[in-house]
Amino acid sequence: MNSFIVIGITDHPSPFFPPEVLEVIQQGSIFSGGKRHHEIVAPFLPDGARWIDITVPLSAVFEQYQPSPINNTPSTIIVFASGDPLFFGFANTLRSQFPSAHITVFPTFNSLQLLAHRLLLPYHDLRIVSLTGRPWQELDRALIEGAPKIGVLTDKEHTPATIAQRMLHYGFGHYHTHVGEHLGNPALERVSSYTLEEAAQHTFQQPNCLILIGNHQRRWGLPDSEFALLNGREKMITKMPIRLLTLQALDLPNRHTLWDIGACTGSVSIEAHLQFPHLHIHAFEIRPECEAIIHENARRFHAPGLHLHMGDFMQADITSLPRPDAVFIGGHGGHLKEIMAMAKTVLTDNGIIVFNSVIAPKVSTDSHQLWNEACEELQLKQDTPTQIQLNNHHPITILRCKK
């Protein structure tokens, strides 16, 4: 069984190690870390030390961490990592990969702590988001929820400039940003403050991190009049009271992935995303002219992070998508039963399907009847319907079934 000692360091070219850490290093024989870490700690390593570079794929690194097959004797590997190794750090990776290994951690300040110290900024209430090798979702969620103080770990793709550009596109320009570059390195360290417009045009040195300061007022119930519409047709949008009842029927606080089939203007997807930003939302729409409309509405209502799929849902390759535990069918083009059958093939256990049936004289096909037939054929358990009528509009029945 391996044992690991993980030592946190900053970018300082001449790091300070307390006596107990120096003793650990001097007694070690196998060391590991990134190439930049090796350059920093090389003067402290004992003669004959073996170094294992941490590079991708990590599977090749982990093979080198295994005990020698010759004598199978346990070995202690001393790993150098940036900052606090338990703060989105390599110690978490080791715990996952080697659950039975003994791990000791000697941390130092992480980059966001260093940036907060340089700014004399209390950080006990800092909302932490990592974009290092990760998608945008957690930053989108923090912004939608109106977090007033957000610390962001970056990488070469999610730079302060690209972050600022994305925030400006979705209307979060009221935030200001503080950027720290090469924190811990006295020769290269730089801490600067920018408006998002300034940050969007600036080039920053890696490694860096940033702290966003601002606020965002959340809204409950988006006004129908503010949506961009399909050909200006007000009837082609799920009205706000119906949207809110639909979200309630979908039980979204307790769901993880929502599919909105027949999204049209994106009103249900956007409302759901703003009220429940923890969700992964995939919107499907067949009409090509709706693509620009959905993107425009997402921008208007500050809703980054929707996953939009254009084309016929019945022809879509859904096998690679995360399985939904909530499905809303906003439009079916006469194929309600087929769509429900296809959705059931990927719906998680206890997943929910919701459909709003409109009672209108000009509608030739009774969608409520088709729904009932599909639920019986697919062995989906129906809940008690909810019927509502807005003003002089035709009554709407909110239907829900479970797998």
Protein backbone atom coordinates (compact mmCIF):
# COMPACT_ATOMS: atom_id res chain seq x y z
CA MET A 1 0.00 0.00 0.00
CA ASN A 2 1.31 3.41 -0.95
CA SER A 3 1.61 6.36 1.33
CA PHE A 4 1.73 9.95 0.12
CA ILE A 5 2.98 13.15 1.63
CA VAL A 6 1.57 16.13 -0.25
CA ILE A 7 3.33 19.46 0.22
CA GLY A 8 1.70 22.68 -0.91
CA ILE A 9 3.87 25.41 -2.43
CA THR A 10 3.33 28.79 -4.06
CA ASP A 11 5.07 30.22 -7.13
CA HIS A 12 7.86 31.71 -5.00
CA PRO A 13 11.20 30.69 -6.61
CA SER A 14 12.82 30.31 -3.17
CA PRO A 15 10.11 28.75 -1.01
CA PHE A 16 10.24 28.63 2.77
CA PHE A 17 9.65 25.22 4.33
CA PRO A 18 9.28 24.76 8.11
CA PRO A 19 11.79 22.37 9.73
CA GLU A 20 9.40 19.40 9.82
CA VAL A 21 8.75 19.69 6.08
CA LEU A 22 12.46 20.06 5.31
CA GLU A 23 13.12 16.90 7.29
CA VAL A 24 10.43 15.04 5.31
CA ILE A 25 12.02 16.17 2.04
CA GLN A 26 15.54 15.19 3.09
CA GLN A 27 14.41 11.72 4.09
CA GLY A 28 12.46 11.14 0.88
CA SER A 29 13.58 9.27 -2.23
CA ILE A 30 10.61 9.44 -4.64
CA PHE A 31 9.12 12.82 -5.51
CA SER A 32 6.45 14.00 -7.89
CA GLY A 33 4.81 17.17 -9.17
CA GLY A 34 4.44 19.39 -12.19
CA LYS A 35 7.46 20.54 -14.16
CA ARG A 36 7.10 24.04 -12.71
CA HIS A 37 7.10 22.53 -9.21
CA HIS A 38 10.27 20.59 -10.02
CA GLU A 39 12.09 23.76 -11.02
CA ILE A 40 11.13 25.41 -7.74
CA VAL A 41 12.00 22.56 -5.33
CA ALA A 42 14.97 21.00 -7.14
CA PRO A 43 17.55 22.66 -4.79
CA PHE A 44 15.87 21.01 -1.78
CA LEU A 45 15.82 17.43 -3.09
CA PRO A 46 18.40 14.91 -1.78
CA ASP A 47 21.00 13.37 -4.05
CA GLY A 48 19.73 10.49 -6.15
CA ALA A 49 16.11 11.54 -5.79
CA ARG A 50 13.70 10.10 -8.33
CA TRP A 51 11.20 12.55 -9.85
CA ILE A 52 7.85 11.60 -11.45
CA ASP A 53 6.34 14.34 -13.62
CA ILE A 54 2.61 14.81 -13.26
CA THR A 55 1.36 15.01 -16.84
CA VAL A 56 -1.68 13.81 -18.73
CA PRO A 57 -2.84 11.15 -19.01
CA LEU A 58 -2.78 10.72 -15.25
CA SER A 59 -3.20 6.96 -15.63
CA ALA A 60 0.46 6.77 -16.72
CA VAL A 61 1.47 8.73 -13.62
CA PHE A 62 -0.55 6.46 -11.34
CA GLU A 63 1.17 3.41 -12.80
CA GLN A 64 4.51 4.86 -11.70
CA TYR A 65 3.07 5.42 -8.23
CA GLN A 66 2.42 1.69 -7.75
CA PRO A 67 4.80 -0.26 -5.44
CA SER A 68 7.64 -2.11 -7.13
CA PRO A 69 6.48 -5.55 -8.40
CA ILE A 70 9.88 -6.98 -7.49
CA ASN A 71 9.70 -6.67 -3.73
CA ASN A 72 6.22 -5.13 -3.36
CA THR A 73 7.49 -3.02 -0.50
CA PRO A 74 5.41 0.01 0.46
CA SER A 75 6.82 3.29 -0.77
CA THR A 76 6.29 6.87 0.33
CA ILE A 77 5.88 9.35 -2.50
CA ILE A 78 6.32 13.03 -1.73
CA VAL A 79 4.13 15.10 -4.01
CA PHE A 80 4.42 18.87 -4.49
CA ALA A 81 1.20 20.68 -5.40
CA SER A 82 0.06 24.26 -5.71
CA GLY A 83 -1.43 25.96 -2.66
CA ASP A 84 -3.64 23.85 -0.45
CA PRO A 85 -3.64 20.33 -1.98
CA LEU A 86 -7.16 19.73 -0.62
CA PHE A 87 -8.51 22.91 -2.26
CA PHE A 88 -9.47 21.63 -5.74
CA GLY A 89 -6.02 20.07 -5.51
CA PHE A 90 -4.07 16.92 -6.21
CA ALA A 91 -4.63 15.42 -2.77
CA ASN A 92 -8.29 14.96 -3.71
CA THR A 93 -7.23 13.10 -6.85
CA LEU A 94 -4.97 10.82 -4.81
CA ARG A 95 -7.76 10.08 -2.33
CA SER A 96 -10.03 9.10 -5.20
CA GLN A 97 -7.44 6.97 -7.02
CA PHE A 98 -5.84 5.37 -3.95
CA PRO A 99 -8.65 5.17 -1.35
CA SER A 100 -6.68 2.90 0.99
CA ALA A 101 -3.46 4.93 0.87
CA HIS A 102 -2.18 6.87 3.86
CA ILE A 103 -2.03 10.57 2.94
CA THR A 104 -0.44 13.42 4.90
CA VAL A 105 -0.89 17.02 3.76
CA PHE A 106 1.25 20.06 4.49
CA PRO A 107 -0.74 22.95 2.97
CA THR A 108 0.14 26.53 2.18
CA PHE A 109 -2.12 29.39 1.11
CA ASN A 110 -4.09 28.77 -2.07
CA SER A 111 -4.12 31.41 -4.81
CA LEU A 112 -7.50 32.88 -3.90
CA GLN A 113 -6.41 33.28 -0.29
CA LEU A 114 -3.27 35.07 -1.47
CA LEU A 115 -5.33 37.37 -3.70
CA ALA A 116 -7.74 38.17 -0.87
CA HIS A 117 -4.78 38.94 1.41
CA ARG A 118 -3.27 41.28 -1.16
CA LEU A 119 -6.62 43.10 -1.42
CA LEU A 120 -7.17 43.08 2.37
CA LEU A 121 -10.49 41.47 1.51
CA PRO A 122 -12.28 39.29 4.09
CA TYR A 123 -12.94 36.00 2.32
CA HIS A 124 -15.01 33.96 4.78
CA ASP A 125 -18.06 34.56 2.56
CA LEU A 126 -16.28 34.02 -0.78
CA ARG A 127 -18.21 31.79 -3.21
CA ILE A 128 -15.57 29.53 -4.75
CA VAL A 129 -15.80 28.36 -8.36
CA SER A 130 -13.21 26.32 -10.25
CA LEU A 131 -13.06 26.57 -14.04
CA THR A 132 -9.78 24.67 -14.16
CA GLY A 133 -10.58 21.91 -16.61
CA ARG A 134 -14.27 22.30 -15.78
CA PRO A 135 -17.32 23.65 -17.66
CA TRP A 136 -19.00 27.01 -17.03
CA GLN A 137 -21.93 25.71 -15.01
CA GLU A 138 -20.83 26.57 -11.47
CA LEU A 139 -19.82 30.13 -12.43
CA ASP A 140 -23.13 30.54 -14.28
CA ARG A 141 -24.94 29.31 -11.19
CA ALA A 142 -23.10 31.70 -8.87
CA LEU A 143 -23.89 34.63 -11.15
CA ILE A 144 -27.56 33.70 -11.57
CA GLU A 145 -27.93 33.29 -7.81
CA GLY A 146 -26.47 36.76 -7.35
CA ALA A 147 -23.43 35.83 -5.26
CA PRO A 148 -21.87 39.17 -4.21
CA LYS A 149 -18.31 37.84 -3.94
CA ILE A 150 -17.04 35.08 -6.24
CA GLY A 151 -13.54 33.60 -6.33
CA VAL A 152 -12.67 31.96 -9.64
CA LEU A 153 -9.85 29.54 -10.45
CA THR A 154 -8.95 29.78 -14.14
CA ASP A 155 -7.11 27.87 -16.85
CA LYS A 156 -5.78 28.61 -20.33
CA GLU A 157 -9.26 28.51 -21.87
CA HIS A 158 -11.26 30.08 -19.06
CA THR A 159 -9.10 33.20 -18.76
CA PRO A 160 -10.09 36.43 -16.99
CA ALA A 161 -10.70 37.94 -20.44
CA THR A 162 -13.00 35.16 -21.66
CA ILE A 163 -14.82 35.17 -18.32
CA ALA A 164 -15.38 38.93 -18.61
CA GLN A 165 -16.58 38.58 -22.21
CA ARG A 166 -19.10 35.90 -21.26
CA MET A 167 -20.38 37.93 -18.30
CA LEU A 168 -20.84 41.01 -20.45
CA HIS A 169 -22.70 39.03 -23.12
CA TYR A 170 -25.22 37.81 -20.55
CA GLY A 171 -25.65 41.15 -18.81
CA PHE A 172 -23.55 40.79 -15.66
CA GLY A 173 -21.58 43.97 -16.31
CA HIS A 174 -22.21 45.37 -12.83
CA TYR A 175 -19.47 43.11 -11.41
CA HIS A 176 -15.89 44.34 -11.01
CA THR A 177 -12.94 42.00 -11.11
CA HIS A 178 -9.65 41.76 -9.22
CA VAL A 179 -7.01 39.61 -10.93
CA GLY A 180 -3.90 38.08 -9.37
CA GLU A 181 -1.10 36.87 -11.64
CA HIS A 182 1.87 34.73 -10.51
CA LEU A 183 0.79 35.07 -6.89
CA GLY A 184 3.57 34.20 -4.49
CA ASN A 185 6.37 35.06 -6.93
CA PRO A 186 7.87 38.39 -5.83
CA ALA A 187 9.42 39.07 -9.23
CA LEU A 188 6.33 38.38 -11.34
CA GLU A 189 3.35 38.84 -9.02
CA ARG A 190 0.80 41.40 -10.11
CA VAL A 191 -2.59 42.31 -8.59
CA SER A 192 -4.87 44.61 -10.59
CA SER A 193 -8.50 45.71 -10.60
CA TYR A 194 -10.65 46.16 -13.70
CA THR A 195 -14.12 46.79 -14.95
CA LEU A 196 -15.36 43.84 -16.97
CA GLU A 197 -15.02 45.92 -20.13
CA GLU A 198 -11.35 46.50 -19.34
CA ALA A 199 -10.71 42.88 -18.37
CA ALA A 200 -12.34 41.64 -21.58
CA GLN A 201 -9.67 43.42 -23.64
CA HIS A 202 -6.66 42.57 -21.48
CA THR A 203 -4.11 39.75 -21.77
CA PHE A 204 -3.18 38.13 -18.47
CA GLN A 205 -0.18 36.01 -17.50
CA GLN A 206 -0.69 32.42 -16.34
CA PRO A 207 -1.17 31.27 -13.67
CA ASN A 208 -3.86 33.64 -12.45
CA CYS A 209 -7.11 33.76 -10.52
CA LEU A 210 -9.74 36.41 -9.94
CA ILE A 211 -12.30 37.66 -7.48
CA LEU A 212 -15.56 39.14 -8.75
CA ILE A 213 -17.37 41.73 -6.63
CA GLY A 214 -20.94 42.78 -7.41
CA ASN A 215 -24.54 41.66 -7.15
CA HIS A 216 -27.43 40.50 -9.28
CA GLN A 217 -31.12 40.72 -8.49
CA ARG A 218 -32.97 37.49 -9.15
CA ARG A 219 -36.45 37.51 -10.67
CA TRP A 220 -39.38 35.19 -10.08
CA GLY A 221 -41.77 35.05 -13.00
CA LEU A 222 -40.36 36.57 -16.20
CA PRO A 223 -42.73 39.03 -17.97
CA ASP A 224 -44.03 37.62 -21.24
CA SER A 225 -43.70 41.03 -22.87
CA GLU A 226 -39.90 40.97 -22.53
CA PHE A 227 -39.39 37.80 -24.57
CA ALA A 228 -38.37 37.80 -28.21
CA LEU A 229 -41.17 35.91 -29.97
CA LEU A 230 -41.43 33.62 -32.98
CA ASN A 231 -42.81 35.80 -35.80
CA GLY A 232 -44.23 38.12 -33.13
CA ARG A 233 -46.86 35.52 -32.18
CA GLU A 234 -47.76 35.86 -28.51
CA LYS A 235 -49.51 32.48 -28.52
CA MET A 236 -46.19 30.75 -29.26
CA ILE A 237 -44.97 31.21 -25.69
CA THR A 238 -45.95 29.45 -22.49
CA LYS A 239 -47.50 32.25 -20.43
CA MET A 240 -45.84 33.18 -17.17
CA PRO A 241 -48.46 31.77 -14.73
CA ILE A 242 -48.52 28.52 -16.73
CA ARG A 243 -44.70 28.40 -16.75
CA LEU A 244 -44.55 28.68 -12.98
CA LEU A 245 -47.18 25.95 -12.49
CA THR A 246 -45.30 23.81 -15.01
CA LEU A 247 -42.04 24.22 -13.07
CA GLN A 248 -43.88 23.22 -9.91
CA ALA A 249 -45.22 20.11 -11.63
CA LEU A 250 -41.71 19.18 -12.76
CA ASP A 251 -40.52 19.15 -9.10
CA LEU A 252 -37.32 20.90 -10.18
CA PRO A 253 -35.76 21.54 -6.72
CA ASN A 254 -35.27 17.77 -6.48
CA ARG A 255 -34.18 17.14 -10.10
CA HIS A 256 -30.82 17.23 -11.83
CA THR A 257 -31.40 17.20 -15.60
CA LEU A 258 -34.34 18.77 -17.46
CA TRP A 259 -35.15 18.18 -21.12
CA ASP A 260 -37.40 20.80 -22.75
CA ILE A 261 -38.74 19.24 -25.97
CA GLY A 262 -40.24 21.76 -28.37
CA ALA A 263 -38.66 24.74 -26.65
CA CYS A 264 -39.77 27.35 -29.24
CA THR A 265 -38.73 30.69 -27.62
CA GLY A 266 -37.01 28.95 -24.70
CA SER A 267 -39.30 30.50 -22.08
CA VAL A 268 -39.68 27.34 -19.97
CA SER A 269 -35.98 26.46 -20.17
CA ILE A 270 -34.93 30.01 -19.24
CA GLU A 271 -37.42 30.32 -16.38
CA ALA A 272 -36.29 26.94 -15.04
CA HIS A 273 -32.62 27.85 -15.38
CA LEU A 274 -33.00 31.13 -13.47
CA GLN A 275 -35.04 29.62 -10.65
CA PHE A 276 -33.06 26.37 -10.37
CA PRO A 277 -29.53 27.05 -11.70
CA HIS A 278 -28.25 23.74 -10.36
CA LEU A 279 -30.06 22.00 -13.24
CA HIS A 280 -28.50 20.75 -16.45
CA ILE A 281 -31.02 21.90 -19.05
CA HIS A 282 -31.18 20.57 -22.61
CA ALA A 283 -33.62 22.32 -24.95
CA PHE A 284 -34.73 20.73 -28.24
CA GLU A 285 -36.32 22.69 -31.09
CA ILE A 286 -37.03 21.73 -34.70
CA ARG A 287 -37.60 25.20 -36.24
CA PRO A 288 -34.26 26.72 -37.30
CA GLU A 289 -35.54 30.28 -36.87
CA CYS A 290 -35.96 29.63 -33.14
CA GLU A 291 -32.22 29.17 -32.57
CA ALA A 292 -31.44 32.90 -32.67
CA ILE A 293 -34.59 33.66 -30.65
CA ILE A 294 -33.61 31.29 -27.82
CA HIS A 295 -30.07 32.68 -27.70
CA GLU A 296 -31.44 36.23 -27.63
CA ASN A 297 -33.85 35.44 -24.80
CA ALA A 298 -31.10 33.73 -22.81
CA ARG A 299 -29.02 36.89 -23.21
CA ARG A 300 -31.93 39.22 -22.28
CA PHE A 301 -32.71 37.36 -19.09
CA HIS A 302 -29.08 36.71 -18.01
CA ALA A 303 -29.34 32.94 -18.42
CA PRO A 304 -26.00 31.50 -19.58
CA GLY A 305 -25.42 27.78 -19.84
CA LEU A 306 -28.44 26.35 -21.67
CA HIS A 307 -27.67 23.39 -23.94
CA LEU A 308 -29.58 23.88 -27.20
CA HIS A 309 -30.15 21.08 -29.72
CA MET A 310 -31.62 22.09 -33.08
CA GLY A 311 -33.46 19.63 -35.32
CA ASP A 312 -36.14 16.97 -35.12
CA PHE A 313 -36.11 15.40 -31.66
CA MET A 314 -37.24 12.08 -33.13
CA GLN A 315 -34.09 12.01 -35.26
CA ALA A 316 -31.70 13.27 -32.57
CA ASP A 317 -28.86 11.17 -31.17
CA ILE A 318 -29.70 11.35 -27.46
CA THR A 319 -27.55 8.44 -26.31
CA SER A 320 -24.60 10.63 -25.37
CA LEU A 321 -26.66 13.16 -23.38
CA PRO A 322 -27.14 13.01 -19.61
CA ARG A 323 -30.33 11.10 -18.82
CA PRO A 324 -33.16 13.38 -17.72
CA ASP A 325 -35.11 12.99 -14.51
CA ALA A 326 -37.58 15.67 -15.70
CA VAL A 327 -38.98 16.13 -19.21
CA PHE A 328 -41.30 18.91 -20.41
CA ILE A 329 -42.99 18.48 -23.78
CA GLY A 330 -43.78 21.99 -24.97
CA GLY A 331 -44.46 21.04 -28.59
CA HIS A 332 -44.96 17.73 -30.33
CA GLY A 333 -45.94 18.41 -33.94
CA GLY A 334 -48.50 15.61 -33.87
CA HIS A 335 -46.04 13.06 -32.49
CA LEU A 336 -46.84 13.21 -28.77
CA LYS A 337 -47.00 9.45 -28.25
CA GLU A 338 -43.77 8.85 -30.17
CA ILE A 339 -41.96 11.57 -28.22
CA MET A 340 -43.15 10.15 -24.89
CA ALA A 341 -42.00 6.69 -25.92
CA MET A 342 -38.58 7.98 -26.92
CA ALA A 343 -38.26 10.04 -23.74
CA LYS A 344 -39.11 7.02 -21.61
CA THR A 345 -36.12 5.10 -23.02
CA VAL A 346 -33.74 7.55 -21.33
CA LEU A 347 -35.83 8.77 -18.39
CA THR A 348 -34.30 7.88 -15.03
CA ASP A 349 -36.19 5.81 -12.49
CA ASN A 350 -38.87 7.96 -10.85
CA GLY A 351 -38.41 10.51 -13.62
CA ILE A 352 -41.26 12.90 -14.48
CA ILE A 353 -42.84 13.90 -17.81
CA VAL A 354 -45.06 17.01 -17.94
CA PHE A 355 -47.22 18.19 -20.84
CA ASN A 356 -49.66 21.08 -21.10
CA SER A 357 -52.79 20.10 -23.05
CA VAL A 358 -54.76 22.94 -24.63
CA ILE A 359 -58.50 22.59 -25.05
CA ALA A 360 -59.29 24.50 -28.25
CA PRO A 361 -62.09 24.09 -30.81
CA LYS A 362 -59.75 24.31 -33.82
CA VAL A 363 -57.49 21.53 -32.58
CA SER A 364 -58.39 18.39 -34.50
CA THR A 365 -56.50 15.96 -32.32
CA ASP A 366 -57.33 15.66 -28.62
CA SER A 367 -53.83 15.82 -27.07
CA HIS A 368 -55.22 14.84 -23.66
CA GLN A 369 -56.56 11.62 -25.15
CA LEU A 370 -53.22 10.93 -26.86
CA TRP A 371 -51.51 11.53 -23.50
CA ASN A 372 -53.81 9.06 -21.75
CA GLU A 373 -53.23 6.44 -24.42
CA ALA A 374 -49.44 6.91 -24.26
CA CYS A 375 -49.39 6.62 -20.46
CA GLU A 376 -51.37 3.36 -20.64
CA GLU A 377 -49.26 1.88 -23.44
CA LEU A 378 -45.95 2.90 -21.83
CA GLN A 379 -47.06 1.98 -18.29
CA LEU A 380 -46.49 5.49 -16.98
CA LYS A 381 -48.31 6.39 -13.76
CA GLN A 382 -50.41 9.57 -14.06
CA ASP A 383 -50.90 12.15 -11.32
CA THR A 384 -54.04 14.23 -10.83
CA PRO A 385 -54.23 16.84 -13.63
CA THR A 386 -54.35 20.59 -12.95
CA GLN A 387 -56.62 22.75 -15.11
CA ILE A 388 -56.24 26.50 -15.44
CA GLN A 389 -57.66 29.21 -17.69
CA LEU A 390 -56.05 32.64 -18.15
CA ASN A 391 -58.36 35.52 -19.09
CA ASN A 392 -60.23 34.58 -22.27
CA HIS A 393 -57.69 32.00 -23.39
CA HIS A 394 -58.63 28.38 -23.84
CA PRO A 395 -58.30 26.17 -20.73
CA ILE A 396 -55.00 24.38 -20.23
CA THR A 397 -54.58 21.08 -18.43
CA ILE A 398 -51.18 20.44 -16.86
CA LEU A 399 -50.54 16.71 -17.08
CA ARG A 400 -47.84 14.78 -15.26
CA CYS A 401 -46.76 11.17 -15.23
CA LYS A 402 -43.95 9.22 -13.60
CA LYS A 403 -41.85 6.32 -14.72
